[in-house]
Structures are given as C-alpha cells and as structure tokens.
Amino acid sequence: MAIKTIVFWLEKGCRKPKQAGLATAPDSVHLIDEYCRMAREGRGRLFIVDAHTASEGREHIASWRKKESTPHAIGSVILGPDRIVALGMNACAAIAGAAAGKRAWDARLARQGIVKIDQTRALDAKDPLANWTPGNAFGQGLGDAPEPGKQYRLTGGRDVASIAGGASWRDSEVK
C-alpha cells in the first residue's frame, strides 16, 4: 500500500483531527494555505502527515502530541507555536510545495487572470517524492530485495552482474 500525504485539521477545542484532504489532490495549495491562515489565527492546528491510512495518520499525530518518538521524527517541521506540523518527508515537501504554488498562483493570476486546476497541487503526483516507497527507494534496478542466507556480488568486472553495476539483487546472487 502506498504512503499518502494526508492533510488533517484539528479545530480548537476538539480532540480528534479530521481529514481535510490529500496533498496530491487538485486545489490542495488553497486548502493548505487556508488552514495555515486559520492555524496562525489560533483557530486550530494543521497537521500534514505521511501515512498509509487516515487512522495511521491520526496515530502519528497522537504520538507527536504526547511527545513520543514517531517514525517520522527525522522528517518533521513545526511552524509557529506548534500550530502547523508536518510529519514525514513528503509532508515537509507539501508545505514547501504549497508555499511555492501559492506564489506561482498569485503571479499567474496577475499575468493571465486564470489558474489551471493542474497547477493547484501542493505535491504533484509526478514529483518523485509523492511516489516514494521503501520498495522503490533506489529505483527499478533494486526493486527486488535480498533474501536472508544468500550471498550477493556488490562489485564486479564488466561481464559480471553486480549491485554497483546496476544489476538487480536476483541477478547479482553468487551461485
């Protein structure tokens, strides 16, 4: 199952964050921009979380709120007094994408008077970060995984399949 970058809104006085949308959806630039404005006004908190499901995203938010270690601790951004929180690398990219998208949106409106719906995504589905999974982290050549107990050739000559030479784990197995 692919990881999604989910936008959650936790209204002031509420306990459970509600899913507001996906960072890869059309008009997500406007969605994130509007919730950022509301968060800065103190009306609630915006969470953008990398997770497989909304339930898992809420679990990550709950862990973060309890100040527990989360799987996304390396890729976290907190803006303002804990009002805007991104948990995960794609979530951080979505914040940056929304900010850049908003600036480009304003420039297009001033110049052309219109913005196409395809230009309103905070995290474009074509962006390599949006499609990242642990299985494809190193490209198609290493999509298969090494098996325990087997030996693989990491380096080799010109005519020998090896990981360094771009071969798959299966082709690099020492037989």
C-alpha atoms as a PDB file:
ATOM      1  CA  MET A   1       0.000   0.000   0.000  1.00  0.00           C
ATOM      2  CA  ALA A   2       1.375   3.393  -0.977  1.00  0.00           C
ATOM      3  CA  ILE A   3       2.035   6.124   1.528  1.00  0.00           C
ATOM      4  CA  LYS A   4      -0.268   9.122   1.167  1.00  0.00           C
ATOM      5  CA  THR A   5       0.367  12.665   2.311  1.00  0.00           C
ATOM      6  CA  ILE A   6      -2.787  13.455   4.273  1.00  0.00           C
ATOM      7  CA  VAL A   7      -3.936  16.887   5.447  1.00  0.00           C
ATOM      8  CA  PHE A   8      -5.648  16.943   8.873  1.00  0.00           C
ATOM      9  CA  TRP A   9      -7.336  19.818  10.698  1.00  0.00           C
ATOM     10  CA  LEU A  10      -7.737  19.820  14.479  1.00  0.00           C
ATOM     11  CA  GLU A  11     -10.192  22.544  15.405  1.00  0.00           C
ATOM     12  CA  LYS A  12      -9.599  24.331  18.687  1.00  0.00           C
ATOM     13  CA  GLY A  13     -11.451  22.507  21.485  1.00  0.00           C
ATOM     14  CA  CYS A  14     -11.747  19.220  19.546  1.00  0.00           C
ATOM     15  CA  ARG A  15      -9.910  16.012  20.355  1.00  0.00           C
ATOM     16  CA  LYS A  16      -9.840  14.164  17.044  1.00  0.00           C
ATOM     17  CA  PRO A  17      -8.177  15.597  13.927  1.00  0.00           C
ATOM     18  CA  LYS A  18     -10.391  15.428  10.845  1.00  0.00           C
ATOM     19  CA  GLN A  19      -9.040  14.507   7.444  1.00  0.00           C
ATOM     20  CA  ALA A  20      -9.312  17.556   5.202  1.00  0.00           C
ATOM     21  CA  GLY A  21      -7.802  16.120   2.020  1.00  0.00           C
ATOM     22  CA  LEU A  22      -4.665  14.894   0.290  1.00  0.00           C
ATOM     23  CA  ALA A  23      -1.626  16.997  -0.629  1.00  0.00           C
ATOM     24  CA  THR A  24      -1.682  15.471  -4.138  1.00  0.00           C
ATOM     25  CA  ALA A  25      -5.317  16.455  -4.801  1.00  0.00           C
ATOM     26  CA  PRO A  26      -6.308  19.357  -7.052  1.00  0.00           C
ATOM     27  CA  ASP A  27      -6.652  22.632  -5.122  1.00  0.00           C
ATOM     28  CA  SER A  28      -4.506  21.347  -2.240  1.00  0.00           C
ATOM     29  CA  VAL A  29      -2.443  24.563  -2.430  1.00  0.00           C
ATOM     30  CA  HIS A  30      -5.539  26.557  -1.499  1.00  0.00           C
ATOM     31  CA  LEU A  31      -6.568  24.004   1.160  1.00  0.00           C
ATOM     32  CA  ILE A  32      -3.170  24.085   2.907  1.00  0.00           C
ATOM     33  CA  ASP A  33      -2.893  27.865   2.559  1.00  0.00           C
ATOM     34  CA  GLU A  34      -6.333  28.396   4.107  1.00  0.00           C
ATOM     35  CA  TYR A  35      -5.703  26.008   7.020  1.00  0.00           C
ATOM     36  CA  CYS A  36      -2.290  27.647   7.631  1.00  0.00           C
ATOM     37  CA  ARG A  37      -4.023  31.023   7.880  1.00  0.00           C
ATOM     38  CA  MET A  38      -6.599  29.630  10.311  1.00  0.00           C
ATOM     39  CA  ALA A  39      -3.855  27.960  12.396  1.00  0.00           C
ATOM     40  CA  ARG A  40      -1.880  31.217  12.602  1.00  0.00           C
ATOM     41  CA  GLU A  41      -5.072  32.912  13.843  1.00  0.00           C
ATOM     42  CA  GLY A  42      -5.226  30.328  16.669  1.00  0.00           C
ATOM     43  CA  ARG A  43      -8.389  28.597  15.438  1.00  0.00           C
ATOM     44  CA  GLY A  44      -6.803  25.131  15.450  1.00  0.00           C
ATOM     45  CA  ARG A  45      -3.839  23.084  14.263  1.00  0.00           C
ATOM     46  CA  LEU A  46      -2.857  21.906  10.814  1.00  0.00           C
ATOM     47  CA  PHE A  47      -1.175  18.506  10.513  1.00  0.00           C
ATOM     48  CA  ILE A  48       0.222  17.168   7.250  1.00  0.00           C
ATOM     49  CA  VAL A  49       1.209  13.536   7.735  1.00  0.00           C
ATOM     50  CA  ASP A  50       2.716  10.754   5.629  1.00  0.00           C
ATOM     51  CA  ALA A  51       0.693   7.607   6.337  1.00  0.00           C
ATOM     52  CA  HIS A  52      -0.937   4.645   4.618  1.00  0.00           C
ATOM     53  CA  THR A  53      -4.397   5.408   6.034  1.00  0.00           C
ATOM     54  CA  ALA A  54      -6.172   8.206   7.878  1.00  0.00           C
ATOM     55  CA  SER A  55      -6.240   6.014  11.016  1.00  0.00           C
ATOM     56  CA  GLU A  56      -2.483   5.570  10.882  1.00  0.00           C
ATOM     57  CA  GLY A  57      -2.093   9.316  10.338  1.00  0.00           C
ATOM     58  CA  ARG A  58      -4.149  10.002  13.468  1.00  0.00           C
ATOM     59  CA  GLU A  59      -1.924   7.572  15.410  1.00  0.00           C
ATOM     60  CA  HIS A  60       1.173   9.526  14.283  1.00  0.00           C
ATOM     61  CA  ILE A  61      -0.479  12.778  15.359  1.00  0.00           C
ATOM     62  CA  ALA A  62      -1.410  11.289  18.748  1.00  0.00           C
ATOM     63  CA  SER A  63       2.186  10.105  19.263  1.00  0.00           C
ATOM     64  CA  TRP A  64       3.528  13.529  18.308  1.00  0.00           C
ATOM     65  CA  ARG A  65       1.095  15.276  20.669  1.00  0.00           C
ATOM     66  CA  LYS A  66       2.223  13.006  23.532  1.00  0.00           C
ATOM     67  CA  LYS A  67       5.827  13.936  22.612  1.00  0.00           C
ATOM     68  CA  GLU A  68       6.593  10.285  21.907  1.00  0.00           C
ATOM     69  CA  SER A  69       9.030   9.213  19.245  1.00  0.00           C
ATOM     70  CA  THR A  70       7.355   8.861  15.855  1.00  0.00           C
ATOM     71  CA  PRO A  71       8.561   7.051  12.754  1.00  0.00           C
ATOM     72  CA  HIS A  72       8.719  10.447  11.038  1.00  0.00           C
ATOM     73  CA  ALA A  73      10.898  12.208  13.632  1.00  0.00           C
ATOM     74  CA  ILE A  74      13.644  12.772  11.054  1.00  0.00           C
ATOM     75  CA  GLY A  75      11.301  14.461   8.597  1.00  0.00           C
ATOM     76  CA  SER A  76       9.341  16.840  10.787  1.00  0.00           C
ATOM     77  CA  VAL A  77       8.650  20.543  10.531  1.00  0.00           C
ATOM     78  CA  ILE A  78       6.878  22.593  13.183  1.00  0.00           C
ATOM     79  CA  LEU A  79       5.884  26.155  12.325  1.00  0.00           C
ATOM     80  CA  GLY A  80       4.611  28.685  14.812  1.00  0.00           C
ATOM     81  CA  PRO A  81       3.840  27.623  18.360  1.00  0.00           C
ATOM     82  CA  ASP A  82       3.003  24.009  17.374  1.00  0.00           C
ATOM     83  CA  ARG A  83       0.214  25.251  15.094  1.00  0.00           C
ATOM     84  CA  ILE A  84       1.409  23.860  11.743  1.00  0.00           C
ATOM     85  CA  VAL A  85       3.049  20.430  11.873  1.00  0.00           C
ATOM     86  CA  ALA A  86       4.396  18.268   9.030  1.00  0.00           C
ATOM     87  CA  LEU A  87       5.298  14.669   9.915  1.00  0.00           C
ATOM     88  CA  GLY A  88       7.277  12.939   7.172  1.00  0.00           C
ATOM     89  CA  MET A  89       9.445  13.908   4.222  1.00  0.00           C
ATOM     90  CA  ASN A  90       6.556  14.210   1.750  1.00  0.00           C
ATOM     91  CA  ALA A  91       4.626  16.258   4.299  1.00  0.00           C
ATOM     92  CA  CYS A  92       7.554  18.695   4.534  1.00  0.00           C
ATOM     93  CA  ALA A  93       7.678  18.829   0.721  1.00  0.00           C
ATOM     94  CA  ALA A  94       3.917  19.532   0.666  1.00  0.00           C
ATOM     95  CA  ILE A  95       4.370  22.596   2.912  1.00  0.00           C
ATOM     96  CA  ALA A  96       7.122  23.895   0.620  1.00  0.00           C
ATOM     97  CA  GLY A  97       5.073  22.990  -2.463  1.00  0.00           C
ATOM     98  CA  ALA A  98       2.014  24.810  -1.147  1.00  0.00           C
ATOM     99  CA  ALA A  99       4.049  27.943  -0.434  1.00  0.00           C
ATOM    100  CA  ALA A 100       5.684  27.866  -3.876  1.00  0.00           C
ATOM    101  CA  GLY A 101       2.351  27.040  -5.515  1.00  0.00           C
ATOM    102  CA  LYS A 102       0.656  29.982  -3.819  1.00  0.00           C
ATOM    103  CA  ARG A 103       3.362  32.388  -5.032  1.00  0.00           C
ATOM    104  CA  ALA A 104       3.141  30.987  -8.584  1.00  0.00           C
ATOM    105  CA  TRP A 105      -0.656  31.086  -8.401  1.00  0.00           C
ATOM    106  CA  ASP A 106      -0.664  34.797  -7.481  1.00  0.00           C
ATOM    107  CA  ALA A 107       1.804  35.562 -10.295  1.00  0.00           C
ATOM    108  CA  ARG A 108      -0.291  33.634 -12.850  1.00  0.00           C
ATOM    109  CA  LEU A 109      -3.459  35.415 -11.764  1.00  0.00           C
ATOM    110  CA  ALA A 110      -1.774  38.792 -12.137  1.00  0.00           C
ATOM    111  CA  ARG A 111      -0.306  37.868 -15.523  1.00  0.00           C
ATOM    112  CA  GLN A 112      -3.019  35.705 -17.147  1.00  0.00           C
ATOM    113  CA  GLY A 113      -6.106  36.122 -14.987  1.00  0.00           C
ATOM    114  CA  ILE A 114      -6.569  32.338 -14.634  1.00  0.00           C
ATOM    115  CA  VAL A 115      -5.008  29.327 -12.944  1.00  0.00           C
ATOM    116  CA  LYS A 116      -5.458  25.821 -14.331  1.00  0.00           C
ATOM    117  CA  ILE A 117      -6.616  23.162 -11.873  1.00  0.00           C
ATOM    118  CA  ASP A 118      -3.475  21.101 -12.617  1.00  0.00           C
ATOM    119  CA  GLN A 119      -1.390  23.977 -11.218  1.00  0.00           C
ATOM    120  CA  THR A 120      -3.042  23.881  -7.790  1.00  0.00           C
ATOM    121  CA  ARG A 121      -1.500  20.754  -6.248  1.00  0.00           C
ATOM    122  CA  ALA A 122       0.801  21.191  -3.247  1.00  0.00           C
ATOM    123  CA  LEU A 123       2.518  17.890  -4.019  1.00  0.00           C
ATOM    124  CA  ASP A 124       2.379  16.913  -7.678  1.00  0.00           C
ATOM    125  CA  ALA A 125       1.762  13.213  -8.317  1.00  0.00           C
ATOM    126  CA  LYS A 126       4.608  13.355 -10.895  1.00  0.00           C
ATOM    127  CA  ASP A 127       7.019  14.514  -8.190  1.00  0.00           C
ATOM    128  CA  PRO A 128       9.409  11.689  -7.227  1.00  0.00           C
ATOM    129  CA  LEU A 129       8.719  12.362  -3.541  1.00  0.00           C
ATOM    130  CA  ALA A 130       4.993  11.792  -3.994  1.00  0.00           C
ATOM    131  CA  ASN A 131       5.580   8.259  -5.271  1.00  0.00           C
ATOM    132  CA  TRP A 132       8.316   7.225  -2.857  1.00  0.00           C
ATOM    133  CA  THR A 133       8.030   3.872  -1.119  1.00  0.00           C
ATOM    134  CA  PRO A 134      10.738   1.823   0.595  1.00  0.00           C
ATOM    135  CA  GLY A 135      10.477  -0.747  -2.225  1.00  0.00           C
ATOM    136  CA  ASN A 136      11.359   1.735  -4.961  1.00  0.00           C
ATOM    137  CA  ALA A 137      13.717   3.966  -2.971  1.00  0.00           C
ATOM    138  CA  PHE A 138      16.707   3.057  -5.134  1.00  0.00           C
ATOM    139  CA  GLY A 139      14.994   2.766  -8.497  1.00  0.00           C
ATOM    140  CA  GLN A 140      13.723  -0.147 -10.525  1.00  0.00           C
ATOM    141  CA  GLY A 141      17.079  -1.981 -10.625  1.00  0.00           C
ATOM    142  CA  LEU A 142      16.971  -2.630  -6.875  1.00  0.00           C
ATOM    143  CA  GLY A 143      13.211  -3.090  -6.550  1.00  0.00           C
ATOM    144  CA  ASP A 144      13.637  -6.731  -5.555  1.00  0.00           C
ATOM    145  CA  ALA A 145      15.017  -7.439  -2.108  1.00  0.00           C
ATOM    146  CA  PRO A 146      17.947  -9.571  -0.938  1.00  0.00           C
ATOM    147  CA  GLU A 147      16.991 -12.832   0.727  1.00  0.00           C
ATOM    148  CA  PRO A 148      18.475 -13.874   4.089  1.00  0.00           C
ATOM    149  CA  GLY A 149      21.135 -16.588   3.854  1.00  0.00           C
ATOM    150  CA  LYS A 150      22.139 -15.830   0.254  1.00  0.00           C
ATOM    151  CA  GLN A 151      25.290 -14.088  -0.950  1.00  0.00           C
ATOM    152  CA  TYR A 152      25.273 -11.257  -3.466  1.00  0.00           C
ATOM    153  CA  ARG A 153      28.009  -9.648  -5.530  1.00  0.00           C
ATOM    154  CA  LEU A 154      28.252  -5.954  -4.622  1.00  0.00           C
ATOM    155  CA  THR A 155      31.054  -5.175  -7.087  1.00  0.00           C
ATOM    156  CA  GLY A 156      32.390  -6.963 -10.132  1.00  0.00           C
ATOM    157  CA  GLY A 157      34.056  -6.710 -13.512  1.00  0.00           C
ATOM    158  CA  ARG A 158      32.486  -5.630 -16.786  1.00  0.00           C
ATOM    159  CA  ASP A 159      30.953  -9.002 -17.593  1.00  0.00           C
ATOM    160  CA  VAL A 160      29.854  -9.834 -14.043  1.00  0.00           C
ATOM    161  CA  ALA A 161      26.436  -8.798 -12.719  1.00  0.00           C
ATOM    162  CA  SER A 162      26.772  -6.767  -9.517  1.00  0.00           C
ATOM    163  CA  ILE A 163      24.766  -4.285  -7.437  1.00  0.00           C
ATOM    164  CA  ALA A 164      27.291  -1.500  -8.130  1.00  0.00           C
ATOM    165  CA  GLY A 165      26.980  -2.261 -11.846  1.00  0.00           C
ATOM    166  CA  GLY A 166      23.203  -1.678 -11.726  1.00  0.00           C
ATOM    167  CA  ALA A 167      22.050  -5.319 -11.680  1.00  0.00           C
ATOM    168  CA  SER A 168      19.162  -6.498  -9.513  1.00  0.00           C
ATOM    169  CA  TRP A 169      19.652  -8.500  -6.318  1.00  0.00           C
ATOM    170  CA  ARG A 170      18.412 -11.597  -8.146  1.00  0.00           C
ATOM    171  CA  ASP A 171      20.934 -11.181 -10.976  1.00  0.00           C
ATOM    172  CA  SER A 172      23.772 -10.388  -8.530  1.00  0.00           C
ATOM    173  CA  GLU A 173      23.330 -13.579  -6.496  1.00  0.00           C
ATOM    174  CA  VAL A 174      26.507 -15.671  -6.116  1.00  0.00           C
ATOM    175  CA  LYS A 175      25.612 -19.251  -7.141  1.00  0.00           C
END
